[in-house]
Amino acid sequence: YRNLAVYWNSEGDLVKGNEYTQKALALDPKDP
C-alpha cells in the first residue's frame, strides 16, 4: 500500500496516494 501511495503521489494524484497511505496506516498504524 505504501508503494502504491508513492506511485500515485509521484504521478501527481494526491487523492489516490492518500487513499493508499490510509490503507497502509489502517493495517499498521504504529509502523514508523
PDB file of all heavy atoms in Angstrom:
ATOM      1  N   TYR A   1       0.831  -1.208   0.000  1.00  0.00           N
ATOM      2  CA  TYR A   1       0.000   0.000   0.000  1.00  0.00           C
ATOM      3  C   TYR A   1       0.866   1.260   0.000  1.00  0.00           C
ATOM      4  O   TYR A   1       0.568   2.227  -0.686  1.00  0.00           O
ATOM      5  CB  TYR A   1      -0.947   0.017   1.200  1.00  0.00           C
ATOM      6  CG  TYR A   1      -2.169  -0.860   1.039  1.00  0.00           C
ATOM      7  CD1 TYR A   1      -2.599  -1.660   2.083  1.00  0.00           C
ATOM      8  CD2 TYR A   1      -2.905  -0.874  -0.142  1.00  0.00           C
ATOM      9  CE1 TYR A   1      -3.735  -2.448   1.964  1.00  0.00           C
ATOM     10  CE2 TYR A   1      -4.035  -1.675  -0.278  1.00  0.00           C
ATOM     11  CZ  TYR A   1      -4.446  -2.450   0.776  1.00  0.00           C
ATOM     12  OH  TYR A   1      -5.575  -3.233   0.648  1.00  0.00           O
ATOM     13  N   ARG A   2       1.950   1.246   0.782  1.00  0.00           N
ATOM     14  CA  ARG A   2       2.860   2.403   0.789  1.00  0.00           C
ATOM     15  C   ARG A   2       3.449   2.642  -0.593  1.00  0.00           C
ATOM     16  O   ARG A   2       3.550   3.769  -1.062  1.00  0.00           O
ATOM     17  CB  ARG A   2       4.002   2.198   1.784  1.00  0.00           C
ATOM     18  CG  ARG A   2       3.661   2.525   3.200  1.00  0.00           C
ATOM     19  CD  ARG A   2       4.896   2.725   4.059  1.00  0.00           C
ATOM     20  NE  ARG A   2       5.930   1.740   3.923  1.00  0.00           N
ATOM     21  CZ  ARG A   2       6.102   0.692   4.724  1.00  0.00           C
ATOM     22  NH1 ARG A   2       5.283   0.473   5.732  1.00  0.00           N
ATOM     23  NH2 ARG A   2       7.106  -0.129   4.533  1.00  0.00           N
ATOM     24  N   ASN A   3       3.859   1.575  -1.253  1.00  0.00           N
ATOM     25  CA  ASN A   3       4.457   1.728  -2.581  1.00  0.00           C
ATOM     26  C   ASN A   3       3.428   2.166  -3.617  1.00  0.00           C
ATOM     27  O   ASN A   3       3.758   2.913  -4.543  1.00  0.00           O
ATOM     28  CB  ASN A   3       5.176   0.455  -3.003  1.00  0.00           C
ATOM     29  CG  ASN A   3       6.520   0.352  -2.326  1.00  0.00           C
ATOM     30  OD1 ASN A   3       7.295   1.293  -2.348  1.00  0.00           O
ATOM     31  ND2 ASN A   3       6.794  -0.772  -1.708  1.00  0.00           N
ATOM     32  N   LEU A   4       2.196   1.743  -3.460  1.00  0.00           N
ATOM     33  CA  LEU A   4       1.140   2.252  -4.332  1.00  0.00           C
ATOM     34  C   LEU A   4       0.916   3.747  -4.066  1.00  0.00           C
ATOM     35  O   LEU A   4       0.690   4.524  -4.997  1.00  0.00           O
ATOM     36  CB  LEU A   4      -0.154   1.459  -4.134  1.00  0.00           C
ATOM     37  CG  LEU A   4      -0.155   0.076  -4.781  1.00  0.00           C
ATOM     38  CD1 LEU A   4      -1.287  -0.781  -4.230  1.00  0.00           C
ATOM     39  CD2 LEU A   4      -0.253   0.190  -6.293  1.00  0.00           C
ATOM     40  N   ALA A   5       1.006   4.150  -2.810  1.00  0.00           N
ATOM     41  CA  ALA A   5       0.891   5.574  -2.469  1.00  0.00           C
ATOM     42  C   ALA A   5       2.024   6.365  -3.103  1.00  0.00           C
ATOM     43  O   ALA A   5       1.805   7.456  -3.657  1.00  0.00           O
ATOM     44  CB  ALA A   5       0.884   5.757  -0.950  1.00  0.00           C
ATOM     45  N   VAL A   6       3.237   5.835  -3.046  1.00  0.00           N
ATOM     46  CA  VAL A   6       4.382   6.505  -3.667  1.00  0.00           C
ATOM     47  C   VAL A   6       4.150   6.630  -5.171  1.00  0.00           C
ATOM     48  O   VAL A   6       4.389   7.693  -5.756  1.00  0.00           O
ATOM     49  CB  VAL A   6       5.695   5.735  -3.379  1.00  0.00           C
ATOM     50  CG1 VAL A   6       6.837   6.248  -4.251  1.00  0.00           C
ATOM     51  CG2 VAL A   6       6.060   5.833  -1.907  1.00  0.00           C
ATOM     52  N   TYR A   7       3.690   5.573  -5.783  1.00  0.00           N
ATOM     53  CA  TYR A   7       3.436   5.600  -7.225  1.00  0.00           C
ATOM     54  C   TYR A   7       2.468   6.736  -7.568  1.00  0.00           C
ATOM     55  O   TYR A   7       2.745   7.561  -8.439  1.00  0.00           O
ATOM     56  CB  TYR A   7       2.864   4.258  -7.694  1.00  0.00           C
ATOM     57  CG  TYR A   7       2.550   4.242  -9.176  1.00  0.00           C
ATOM     58  CD1 TYR A   7       3.498   3.838 -10.096  1.00  0.00           C
ATOM     59  CD2 TYR A   7       1.306   4.659  -9.652  1.00  0.00           C
ATOM     60  CE1 TYR A   7       3.226   3.837 -11.457  1.00  0.00           C
ATOM     61  CE2 TYR A   7       1.026   4.671 -11.006  1.00  0.00           C
ATOM     62  CZ  TYR A   7       1.985   4.255 -11.901  1.00  0.00           C
ATOM     63  OH  TYR A   7       1.722   4.265 -13.248  1.00  0.00           O
ATOM     64  N   TRP A   8       1.313   6.773  -6.892  1.00  0.00           N
ATOM     65  CA  TRP A   8       0.301   7.757  -7.245  1.00  0.00           C
ATOM     66  C   TRP A   8       0.717   9.174  -6.876  1.00  0.00           C
ATOM     67  O   TRP A   8       0.393  10.119  -7.600  1.00  0.00           O
ATOM     68  CB  TRP A   8      -1.047   7.378  -6.647  1.00  0.00           C
ATOM     69  CG  TRP A   8      -1.615   6.215  -7.410  1.00  0.00           C
ATOM     70  CD1 TRP A   8      -1.801   4.942  -6.971  1.00  0.00           C
ATOM     71  CD2 TRP A   8      -2.016   6.218  -8.783  1.00  0.00           C
ATOM     72  NE1 TRP A   8      -2.288   4.152  -7.981  1.00  0.00           N
ATOM     73  CE2 TRP A   8      -2.430   4.917  -9.103  1.00  0.00           C
ATOM     74  CE3 TRP A   8      -2.064   7.193  -9.770  1.00  0.00           C
ATOM     75  CZ2 TRP A   8      -2.899   4.570 -10.367  1.00  0.00           C
ATOM     76  CZ3 TRP A   8      -2.533   6.844 -11.033  1.00  0.00           C
ATOM     77  CH2 TRP A   8      -2.942   5.543 -11.310  1.00  0.00           C
ATOM     78  N   ASN A   9       1.434   9.338  -5.779  1.00  0.00           N
ATOM     79  CA  ASN A   9       1.937  10.671  -5.448  1.00  0.00           C
ATOM     80  C   ASN A   9       2.965  11.128  -6.471  1.00  0.00           C
ATOM     81  O   ASN A   9       3.013  12.301  -6.822  1.00  0.00           O
ATOM     82  CB  ASN A   9       2.505  10.704  -4.022  1.00  0.00           C
ATOM     83  CG  ASN A   9       1.410  10.905  -3.007  1.00  0.00           C
ATOM     84  OD1 ASN A   9       0.908  12.004  -2.838  1.00  0.00           O
ATOM     85  ND2 ASN A   9       1.018   9.828  -2.343  1.00  0.00           N
ATOM     86  N   SER A  10       3.792  10.204  -6.948  1.00  0.00           N
ATOM     87  CA  SER A  10       4.769  10.535  -7.988  1.00  0.00           C
ATOM     88  C   SER A  10       4.081  10.934  -9.287  1.00  0.00           C
ATOM     89  O   SER A  10       4.601  11.727 -10.061  1.00  0.00           O
ATOM     90  CB  SER A  10       5.699   9.353  -8.252  1.00  0.00           C
ATOM     91  OG  SER A  10       6.454   9.076  -7.105  1.00  0.00           O
ATOM     92  N   GLU A  11       2.910  10.381  -9.514  1.00  0.00           N
ATOM     93  CA  GLU A  11       2.124  10.718 -10.699  1.00  0.00           C
ATOM     94  C   GLU A  11       1.319  12.000 -10.494  1.00  0.00           C
ATOM     95  O   GLU A  11       0.611  12.444 -11.396  1.00  0.00           O
ATOM     96  CB  GLU A  11       1.165   9.571 -11.046  1.00  0.00           C
ATOM     97  CG  GLU A  11       1.865   8.314 -11.520  1.00  0.00           C
ATOM     98  CD  GLU A  11       2.553   8.522 -12.854  1.00  0.00           C
ATOM     99  OE1 GLU A  11       1.932   9.059 -13.784  1.00  0.00           O
ATOM    100  OE2 GLU A  11       3.738   8.156 -12.952  1.00  0.00           O
ATOM    101  N   GLY A  12       1.376  12.569  -9.280  1.00  0.00           N
ATOM    102  CA  GLY A  12       0.661  13.814  -9.000  1.00  0.00           C
ATOM    103  C   GLY A  12      -0.778  13.619  -8.569  1.00  0.00           C
ATOM    104  O   GLY A  12      -1.528  14.588  -8.443  1.00  0.00           O
ATOM    105  N   ASP A  13      -1.195  12.378  -8.322  1.00  0.00           N
ATOM    106  CA  ASP A  13      -2.560  12.107  -7.876  1.00  0.00           C
ATOM    107  C   ASP A  13      -2.551  11.961  -6.354  1.00  0.00           C
ATOM    108  O   ASP A  13      -2.464  10.855  -5.817  1.00  0.00           O
ATOM    109  CB  ASP A  13      -3.093  10.837  -8.539  1.00  0.00           C
ATOM    110  CG  ASP A  13      -4.590  10.640  -8.327  1.00  0.00           C
ATOM    111  OD1 ASP A  13      -5.133  11.157  -7.327  1.00  0.00           O
ATOM    112  OD2 ASP A  13      -5.211   9.958  -9.160  1.00  0.00           O
ATOM    113  N   LEU A  14      -2.632  13.105  -5.664  1.00  0.00           N
ATOM    114  CA  LEU A  14      -2.547  13.099  -4.201  1.00  0.00           C
ATOM    115  C   LEU A  14      -3.740  12.415  -3.547  1.00  0.00           C
ATOM    116  O   LEU A  14      -3.607  11.838  -2.473  1.00  0.00           O
ATOM    117  CB  LEU A  14      -2.401  14.530  -3.681  1.00  0.00           C
ATOM    118  CG  LEU A  14      -1.155  15.284  -4.138  1.00  0.00           C
ATOM    119  CD1 LEU A  14      -1.135  16.689  -3.546  1.00  0.00           C
ATOM    120  CD2 LEU A  14       0.105  14.535  -3.781  1.00  0.00           C
ATOM    121  N   VAL A  15      -4.897  12.449  -4.192  1.00  0.00           N
ATOM    122  CA  VAL A  15      -6.086  11.811  -3.630  1.00  0.00           C
ATOM    123  C   VAL A  15      -5.888  10.295  -3.582  1.00  0.00           C
ATOM    124  O   VAL A  15      -6.080   9.664  -2.540  1.00  0.00           O
ATOM    125  CB  VAL A  15      -7.358  12.186  -4.431  1.00  0.00           C
ATOM    126  CG1 VAL A  15      -8.562  11.379  -3.970  1.00  0.00           C
ATOM    127  CG2 VAL A  15      -7.629  13.678  -4.305  1.00  0.00           C
ATOM    128  N   LYS A  16      -5.480   9.724  -4.713  1.00  0.00           N
ATOM    129  CA  LYS A  16      -5.243   8.276  -4.757  1.00  0.00           C
ATOM    130  C   LYS A  16      -4.078   7.903  -3.847  1.00  0.00           C
ATOM    131  O   LYS A  16      -4.108   6.872  -3.174  1.00  0.00           O
ATOM    132  CB  LYS A  16      -4.955   7.825  -6.182  1.00  0.00           C
ATOM    133  CG  LYS A  16      -5.749   6.633  -6.596  1.00  0.00           C
ATOM    134  CD  LYS A  16      -5.469   6.286  -8.038  1.00  0.00           C
ATOM    135  CE  LYS A  16      -6.714   5.666  -8.598  1.00  0.00           C
ATOM    136  NZ  LYS A  16      -6.580   5.278  -9.980  1.00  0.00           N
ATOM    137  N   GLY A  17      -3.033   8.729  -3.843  1.00  0.00           N
ATOM    138  CA  GLY A  17      -1.901   8.485  -2.958  1.00  0.00           C
ATOM    139  C   GLY A  17      -2.330   8.459  -1.506  1.00  0.00           C
ATOM    140  O   GLY A  17      -1.899   7.604  -0.730  1.00  0.00           O
ATOM    141  N   ASN A  18      -3.192   9.395  -1.119  1.00  0.00           N
ATOM    142  CA  ASN A  18      -3.682   9.430   0.253  1.00  0.00           C
ATOM    143  C   ASN A  18      -4.536   8.212   0.582  1.00  0.00           C
ATOM    144  O   ASN A  18      -4.456   7.676   1.691  1.00  0.00           O
ATOM    145  CB  ASN A  18      -4.472  10.709   0.512  1.00  0.00           C
ATOM    146  CG  ASN A  18      -4.901  10.819   1.957  1.00  0.00           C
ATOM    147  OD1 ASN A  18      -4.089  10.759   2.872  1.00  0.00           O
ATOM    148  ND2 ASN A  18      -6.201  10.944   2.166  1.00  0.00           N
ATOM    149  N   GLU A  19      -5.331   7.748  -0.366  1.00  0.00           N
ATOM    150  CA  GLU A  19      -6.150   6.554  -0.137  1.00  0.00           C
ATOM    151  C   GLU A  19      -5.268   5.354   0.225  1.00  0.00           C
ATOM    152  O   GLU A  19      -5.551   4.621   1.175  1.00  0.00           O
ATOM    153  CB  GLU A  19      -6.976   6.220  -1.376  1.00  0.00           C
ATOM    154  CG  GLU A  19      -8.119   7.167  -1.632  1.00  0.00           C
ATOM    155  CD  GLU A  19      -8.817   6.870  -2.954  1.00  0.00           C
ATOM    156  OE1 GLU A  19      -8.654   5.768  -3.514  1.00  0.00           O
ATOM    157  OE2 GLU A  19      -9.524   7.779  -3.428  1.00  0.00           O
ATOM    158  N   TYR A  20      -4.199   5.167  -0.535  1.00  0.00           N
ATOM    159  CA  TYR A  20      -3.307   4.039  -0.261  1.00  0.00           C
ATOM    160  C   TYR A  20      -2.511   4.249   1.028  1.00  0.00           C
ATOM    161  O   TYR A  20      -2.250   3.298   1.758  1.00  0.00           O
ATOM    162  CB  TYR A  20      -2.376   3.781  -1.450  1.00  0.00           C
ATOM    163  CG  TYR A  20      -3.078   3.072  -2.578  1.00  0.00           C
ATOM    164  CD1 TYR A  20      -3.267   3.689  -3.805  1.00  0.00           C
ATOM    165  CD2 TYR A  20      -3.569   1.779  -2.417  1.00  0.00           C
ATOM    166  CE1 TYR A  20      -3.920   3.031  -4.839  1.00  0.00           C
ATOM    167  CE2 TYR A  20      -4.217   1.121  -3.436  1.00  0.00           C
ATOM    168  CZ  TYR A  20      -4.394   1.752  -4.644  1.00  0.00           C
ATOM    169  OH  TYR A  20      -5.035   1.091  -5.662  1.00  0.00           O
ATOM    170  N   THR A  21      -2.159   5.488   1.318  1.00  0.00           N
ATOM    171  CA  THR A  21      -1.470   5.774   2.578  1.00  0.00           C
ATOM    172  C   THR A  21      -2.371   5.416   3.749  1.00  0.00           C
ATOM    173  O   THR A  21      -1.920   4.811   4.731  1.00  0.00           O
ATOM    174  CB  THR A  21      -1.075   7.268   2.641  1.00  0.00           C
ATOM    175  OG1 THR A  21      -0.220   7.562   1.550  1.00  0.00           O
ATOM    176  CG2 THR A  21      -0.363   7.588   3.942  1.00  0.00           C
ATOM    177  N   GLN A  22      -3.634   5.783   3.654  1.00  0.00           N
ATOM    178  CA  GLN A  22      -4.579   5.481   4.734  1.00  0.00           C
ATOM    179  C   GLN A  22      -4.789   3.973   4.894  1.00  0.00           C
ATOM    180  O   GLN A  22      -4.943   3.476   6.012  1.00  0.00           O
ATOM    181  CB  GLN A  22      -5.921   6.193   4.498  1.00  0.00           C
ATOM    182  CG  GLN A  22      -5.822   7.713   4.542  1.00  0.00           C
ATOM    183  CD  GLN A  22      -5.162   8.222   5.806  1.00  0.00           C
ATOM    184  OE1 GLN A  22      -5.462   7.789   6.916  1.00  0.00           O
ATOM    185  NE2 GLN A  22      -4.217   9.137   5.654  1.00  0.00           N
ATOM    186  N   LYS A  23      -4.757   3.242   3.791  1.00  0.00           N
ATOM    187  CA  LYS A  23      -4.883   1.780   3.874  1.00  0.00           C
ATOM    188  C   LYS A  23      -3.668   1.176   4.579  1.00  0.00           C
ATOM    189  O   LYS A  23      -3.808   0.242   5.374  1.00  0.00           O
ATOM    190  CB  LYS A  23      -5.049   1.171   2.480  1.00  0.00           C
ATOM    191  CG  LYS A  23      -6.409   1.446   1.886  1.00  0.00           C
ATOM    192  CD  LYS A  23      -6.547   0.833   0.500  1.00  0.00           C
ATOM    193  CE  LYS A  23      -7.925   1.116  -0.055  1.00  0.00           C
ATOM    194  NZ  LYS A  23      -8.171   0.423  -1.319  1.00  0.00           N
ATOM    195  N   ALA A  24      -2.478   1.705   4.292  1.00  0.00           N
ATOM    196  CA  ALA A  24      -1.262   1.228   4.971  1.00  0.00           C
ATOM    197  C   ALA A  24      -1.355   1.528   6.459  1.00  0.00           C
ATOM    198  O   ALA A  24      -1.048   0.670   7.294  1.00  0.00           O
ATOM    199  CB  ALA A  24      -0.017   1.871   4.365  1.00  0.00           C
ATOM    200  N   LEU A  25      -1.780   2.722   6.796  1.00  0.00           N
ATOM    201  CA  LEU A  25      -1.921   3.098   8.207  1.00  0.00           C
ATOM    202  C   LEU A  25      -2.976   2.247   8.911  1.00  0.00           C
ATOM    203  O   LEU A  25      -2.810   1.899  10.081  1.00  0.00           O
ATOM    204  CB  LEU A  25      -2.278   4.577   8.334  1.00  0.00           C
ATOM    205  CG  LEU A  25      -1.140   5.555   8.137  1.00  0.00           C
ATOM    206  CD1 LEU A  25      -1.673   6.977   8.005  1.00  0.00           C
ATOM    207  CD2 LEU A  25      -0.140   5.466   9.273  1.00  0.00           C
ATOM    208  N   ALA A  26      -4.051   1.923   8.214  1.00  0.00           N
ATOM    209  CA  ALA A  26      -5.104   1.095   8.817  1.00  0.00           C
ATOM    210  C   ALA A  26      -4.580  -0.300   9.153  1.00  0.00           C
ATOM    211  O   ALA A  26      -4.949  -0.875  10.178  1.00  0.00           O
ATOM    212  CB  ALA A  26      -6.305   0.997   7.873  1.00  0.00           C
ATOM    213  N   LEU A  27      -3.704  -0.835   8.302  1.00  0.00           N
ATOM    214  CA  LEU A  27      -3.139  -2.162   8.565  1.00  0.00           C
ATOM    215  C   LEU A  27      -2.153  -2.141   9.719  1.00  0.00           C
ATOM    216  O   LEU A  27      -2.078  -3.092  10.490  1.00  0.00           O
ATOM    217  CB  LEU A  27      -2.441  -2.716   7.323  1.00  0.00           C
ATOM    218  CG  LEU A  27      -3.331  -3.294   6.251  1.00  0.00           C
ATOM    219  CD1 LEU A  27      -2.492  -3.735   5.061  1.00  0.00           C
ATOM    220  CD2 LEU A  27      -4.152  -4.457   6.771  1.00  0.00           C
ATOM    221  N   ASP A  28      -1.352  -1.069   9.807  1.00  0.00           N
ATOM    222  CA  ASP A  28      -0.331  -0.988  10.855  1.00  0.00           C
ATOM    223  C   ASP A  28      -0.130   0.477  11.248  1.00  0.00           C
ATOM    224  O   ASP A  28       0.804   1.133  10.784  1.00  0.00           O
ATOM    225  CB  ASP A  28       0.979  -1.602  10.354  1.00  0.00           C
ATOM    226  CG  ASP A  28       1.942  -1.916  11.489  1.00  0.00           C
ATOM    227  OD1 ASP A  28       1.685  -1.493  12.639  1.00  0.00           O
ATOM    228  OD2 ASP A  28       2.944  -2.582  11.224  1.00  0.00           O
ATOM    229  N   PRO A  29      -1.015   0.996  12.117  1.00  0.00           N
ATOM    230  CA  PRO A  29      -0.994   2.428  12.435  1.00  0.00           C
ATOM    231  C   PRO A  29       0.216   2.896  13.244  1.00  0.00           C
ATOM    232  O   PRO A  29       0.477   4.090  13.307  1.00  0.00           O
ATOM    233  CB  PRO A  29      -2.279   2.640  13.234  1.00  0.00           C
ATOM    234  CG  PRO A  29      -2.656   1.300  13.740  1.00  0.00           C
ATOM    235  CD  PRO A  29      -2.102   0.296  12.775  1.00  0.00           C
ATOM    236  N   LYS A  30       0.968   1.997  13.828  1.00  0.00           N
ATOM    237  CA  LYS A  30       2.126   2.394  14.627  1.00  0.00           C
ATOM    238  C   LYS A  30       3.453   2.155  13.918  1.00  0.00           C
ATOM    239  O   LYS A  30       4.500   2.487  14.458  1.00  0.00           O
ATOM    240  CB  LYS A  30       2.116   1.660  15.969  1.00  0.00           C
ATOM    241  CG  LYS A  30       0.947   2.079  16.841  1.00  0.00           C
ATOM    242  CD  LYS A  30       0.981   1.419  18.183  1.00  0.00           C
ATOM    243  CE  LYS A  30      -0.218   1.869  18.999  1.00  0.00           C
ATOM    244  NZ  LYS A  30      -0.209   1.308  20.330  1.00  0.00           N
ATOM    245  N   ASP A  31       3.411   1.588  12.724  1.00  0.00           N
ATOM    246  CA  ASP A  31       4.637   1.339  11.983  1.00  0.00           C
ATOM    247  C   ASP A  31       5.305   2.668  11.641  1.00  0.00           C
ATOM    248  O   ASP A  31       4.685   3.527  11.010  1.00  0.00           O
ATOM    249  CB  ASP A  31       4.331   0.562  10.703  1.00  0.00           C
ATOM    250  CG  ASP A  31       5.579   0.323   9.885  1.00  0.00           C
ATOM    251  OD1 ASP A  31       6.343  -0.595  10.214  1.00  0.00           O
ATOM    252  OD2 ASP A  31       5.789   1.077   8.914  1.00  0.00           O
ATOM    253  N   PRO A  32       6.543   2.859  12.063  1.00  0.00           N
ATOM    254  CA  PRO A  32       7.206   4.151  11.821  1.00  0.00           C
ATOM    255  C   PRO A  32       7.306   4.522  10.343  1.00  0.00           C
ATOM    256  O   PRO A  32       7.175   5.687   9.991  1.00  0.00           O
ATOM    257  CB  PRO A  32       8.600   3.959  12.427  1.00  0.00           C
ATOM    258  CG  PRO A  32       8.466   2.828  13.375  1.00  0.00           C
ATOM    259  CD  PRO A  32       7.373   1.948  12.839  1.00  0.00           C
TER     260      PRO A  32
END
